[in-house]
Amino acid sequence: MNTKQVLFAGFGGQGILFTGKFLAYQGLMSGREVSWLPSYGPEMRGGTANCSVILSDSPIGSPIVSNPDILLAMNLPSLDKYENCTVSGGQIFVDSSLIERKVKRTDVESFYIPATRLASDENLGGLANMIILGKMLRHSGLMRFEEIAPTMAKVVSAKRKNLYELNLKAIELGYNHGE
């Protein structure tokens, strides 16, 4: 695997930081070197939010992800801001419920999933982030499907155990969407 740099981006309140935390925990559980760097605007909910995650087989020199291998964009401002930063040959995952335009670049792999609409349709409000993460996990090779449940068990806090199954359902929905 060497090193993969992932950037999750969207509005505050979309679960961007939790999504990054999930991937970072999985990296830790797999014995990889991990960096998790959350960033959000002063408004938090409704403001901009992004989360950089680096997974590597060797020590990580800087937690900053300037040129992601994988971009997960959950709103148009994020796609506009980070599309051109994604490395050539990288992957861009788009919540097509909230972003109507297509990725303009032809040197990256683009994936579209109506995560917000699916979350609403499946009574999984607030879990569009996990649906799009499922799509990303399917196509990125960052983790095996069997690793999802044990990682989720570590990430969901004891006081929110009721969300464990819902998060798994959301990831599975995204993982299998369009396949």
Protein backbone atom coordinates (compact mmCIF):
# COMPACT_ATOMS: atom_id res chain seq x y z
CA MET A 1 0.00 0.00 0.00
CA ASN A 2 2.85 2.42 0.75
CA THR A 3 1.19 5.79 1.49
CA LYS A 4 -2.36 6.96 0.77
CA GLN A 5 -3.49 10.51 1.44
CA VAL A 6 -7.24 10.99 1.82
CA LEU A 7 -9.17 14.24 2.13
CA PHE A 8 -12.78 14.28 3.37
CA ALA A 9 -14.51 17.63 2.77
CA GLY A 10 -17.96 19.15 3.20
CA PHE A 11 -20.07 21.29 5.52
CA GLY A 12 -19.85 21.10 9.29
CA GLY A 13 -22.53 18.74 10.59
CA GLN A 14 -22.15 16.23 7.73
CA GLY A 15 -19.97 13.89 9.78
CA ILE A 16 -16.74 14.71 7.95
CA LEU A 17 -14.55 14.41 11.05
CA PHE A 18 -16.19 11.15 12.15
CA THR A 19 -15.64 9.68 8.69
CA GLY A 20 -11.95 10.54 8.89
CA LYS A 21 -11.74 9.17 12.41
CA PHE A 22 -13.19 5.86 11.22
CA LEU A 23 -10.53 5.48 8.53
CA ALA A 24 -7.76 6.52 10.93
CA TYR A 25 -8.86 3.92 13.50
CA GLN A 26 -8.87 1.25 10.84
CA GLY A 27 -5.31 2.20 9.95
CA LEU A 28 -4.26 1.93 13.59
CA MET A 29 -5.95 -1.45 13.94
CA SER A 30 -4.07 -2.63 10.83
CA GLY A 31 -0.71 -1.60 12.28
CA ARG A 32 -0.15 1.24 9.82
CA GLU A 33 1.33 4.65 10.48
CA VAL A 34 -1.60 7.09 10.71
CA SER A 35 -2.20 10.82 10.69
CA TRP A 36 -5.66 12.34 11.34
CA LEU A 37 -5.98 16.10 11.04
CA PRO A 38 -9.46 17.63 11.41
CA SER A 39 -10.15 21.20 10.31
CA TYR A 40 -13.34 23.22 10.47
CA GLY A 41 -14.40 26.82 10.15
CA PRO A 42 -15.45 28.86 13.17
CA GLU A 43 -19.13 28.32 12.38
CA MET A 44 -18.77 24.52 12.72
CA ARG A 45 -22.27 23.28 11.84
CA GLY A 46 -22.96 24.66 8.37
CA GLY A 47 -19.43 26.03 7.95
CA THR A 48 -16.64 24.31 6.07
CA ALA A 49 -15.10 21.14 7.44
CA ASN A 50 -12.41 18.86 6.17
CA CYS A 51 -10.35 16.04 7.54
CA SER A 52 -7.00 14.80 6.28
CA VAL A 53 -6.06 11.17 6.84
CA ILE A 54 -2.76 9.63 5.85
CA LEU A 55 -2.21 5.87 6.00
CA SER A 56 1.32 4.65 5.45
CA ASP A 57 3.67 1.72 5.81
CA SER A 58 6.43 4.11 6.94
CA PRO A 59 6.61 7.13 9.29
CA ILE A 60 4.61 10.18 8.19
CA GLY A 61 6.57 13.42 7.93
CA SER A 62 3.65 15.87 7.89
CA PRO A 63 -0.09 15.53 8.60
CA ILE A 64 -0.96 18.03 5.86
CA VAL A 65 -2.70 16.61 2.78
CA SER A 66 -2.16 19.11 -0.03
CA ASN A 67 -2.58 16.66 -2.89
CA PRO A 68 -4.91 13.82 -1.92
CA ASP A 69 -4.84 10.45 -3.61
CA ILE A 70 -8.52 10.21 -2.68
CA LEU A 71 -11.00 13.08 -2.33
CA LEU A 72 -14.42 12.55 -0.80
CA ALA A 73 -16.50 15.70 -1.53
CA MET A 74 -19.87 16.15 0.15
CA ASN A 75 -20.67 19.64 -1.14
CA LEU A 76 -19.96 21.79 -4.21
CA PRO A 77 -17.55 24.25 -2.52
CA SER A 78 -15.39 21.29 -1.49
CA LEU A 79 -15.33 19.79 -4.97
CA ASP A 80 -14.56 23.23 -6.44
CA LYS A 81 -11.73 23.79 -3.97
CA TYR A 82 -10.03 20.38 -3.98
CA GLU A 83 -10.72 18.80 -7.39
CA ASN A 84 -7.59 20.25 -8.99
CA CYS A 85 -5.45 19.34 -5.97
CA THR A 86 -6.17 15.62 -6.32
CA VAL A 87 -3.22 13.73 -7.81
CA SER A 88 -3.36 12.52 -11.38
CA GLY A 89 -4.60 8.93 -11.27
CA GLY A 90 -6.39 9.62 -7.98
CA GLN A 91 -10.03 9.05 -7.08
CA ILE A 92 -12.81 11.54 -6.40
CA PHE A 93 -16.04 10.47 -4.66
CA VAL A 94 -18.97 12.89 -4.99
CA ASP A 95 -22.30 13.11 -3.14
CA SER A 96 -24.38 13.55 -6.29
CA SER A 97 -27.45 14.49 -4.22
CA LEU A 98 -25.79 17.78 -3.30
CA ILE A 99 -23.37 18.27 -6.20
CA GLU A 100 -24.96 18.47 -9.63
CA ARG A 101 -21.84 18.99 -11.69
CA LYS A 102 -19.47 16.27 -12.80
CA VAL A 103 -15.75 16.17 -12.12
CA LYS A 104 -14.08 18.12 -14.92
CA ARG A 105 -10.78 16.26 -14.91
CA THR A 106 -10.22 13.21 -17.07
CA ASP A 107 -7.02 12.03 -15.37
CA VAL A 108 -8.80 10.89 -12.18
CA GLU A 109 -11.40 8.20 -11.47
CA SER A 110 -14.74 9.73 -10.51
CA PHE A 111 -17.53 8.07 -8.53
CA TYR A 112 -20.99 9.51 -7.96
CA ILE A 113 -23.38 8.35 -5.28
CA PRO A 114 -26.57 10.14 -4.12
CA ALA A 115 -25.57 9.63 -0.49
CA THR A 116 -27.80 12.30 1.05
CA ARG A 117 -30.86 11.09 -0.88
CA LEU A 118 -30.14 7.44 -0.03
CA ALA A 119 -29.76 8.34 3.66
CA SER A 120 -33.15 10.03 3.58
CA ASP A 121 -34.83 7.24 1.60
CA GLU A 122 -33.46 4.52 3.90
CA ASN A 123 -34.31 6.38 7.13
CA LEU A 124 -30.60 6.89 7.84
CA GLY A 125 -30.74 10.67 8.25
CA GLY A 126 -27.35 12.11 9.11
CA LEU A 127 -25.45 9.10 7.76
CA ALA A 128 -24.79 10.20 4.18
CA ASN A 129 -21.14 10.40 5.23
CA MET A 130 -21.09 6.67 5.98
CA ILE A 131 -22.87 5.85 2.72
CA ILE A 132 -20.30 7.71 0.62
CA LEU A 133 -17.54 6.18 2.77
CA GLY A 134 -18.89 2.73 1.88
CA LYS A 135 -18.61 3.59 -1.82
CA MET A 136 -15.07 4.82 -1.26
CA LEU A 137 -14.07 1.69 0.66
CA ARG A 138 -15.39 -0.50 -2.18
CA HIS A 139 -13.29 1.20 -4.84
CA SER A 140 -10.19 2.46 -3.01
CA GLY A 141 -8.81 -0.79 -1.61
CA LEU A 142 -8.02 0.94 1.69
CA MET A 143 -9.64 -1.78 3.77
CA ARG A 144 -11.39 -5.11 3.41
CA PHE A 145 -15.14 -5.38 3.98
CA GLU A 146 -14.52 -7.73 6.96
CA GLU A 147 -12.61 -4.95 8.75
CA ILE A 148 -15.55 -2.54 8.78
CA ALA A 149 -17.55 -3.94 11.74
CA PRO A 150 -14.59 -4.28 14.17
CA THR A 151 -13.44 -0.78 13.30
CA MET A 152 -16.94 0.62 13.82
CA ALA A 153 -17.06 -1.06 17.23
CA LYS A 154 -13.98 0.95 18.23
CA VAL A 155 -15.19 4.26 16.81
CA VAL A 156 -18.77 4.40 18.07
CA SER A 157 -18.70 5.52 21.70
CA ALA A 158 -20.38 3.54 24.46
CA LYS A 159 -23.07 6.19 24.94
CA ARG A 160 -23.95 5.99 21.22
CA LYS A 161 -23.93 2.19 20.81
CA ASN A 162 -27.41 2.49 19.31
CA LEU A 163 -25.76 4.01 16.22
CA TYR A 164 -23.42 1.05 15.63
CA GLU A 165 -25.86 -0.99 13.50
CA LEU A 166 -27.15 2.10 11.66
CA ASN A 167 -23.60 3.11 10.69
CA LEU A 168 -22.86 -0.42 9.47
CA LYS A 169 -26.07 -0.42 7.44
CA ALA A 170 -25.14 2.93 5.88
CA ILE A 171 -21.63 1.77 4.95
CA GLU A 172 -22.99 -1.45 3.45
CA LEU A 173 -25.57 0.52 1.45
CA GLY A 174 -22.83 2.66 -0.08
CA TYR A 175 -20.49 -0.29 -0.54
CA ASN A 176 -23.07 -2.17 -2.60
CA HIS A 177 -24.68 0.80 -4.38
CA GLY A 178 -24.58 0.45 -8.14
CA GLU A 179 -22.63 -2.81 -8.03
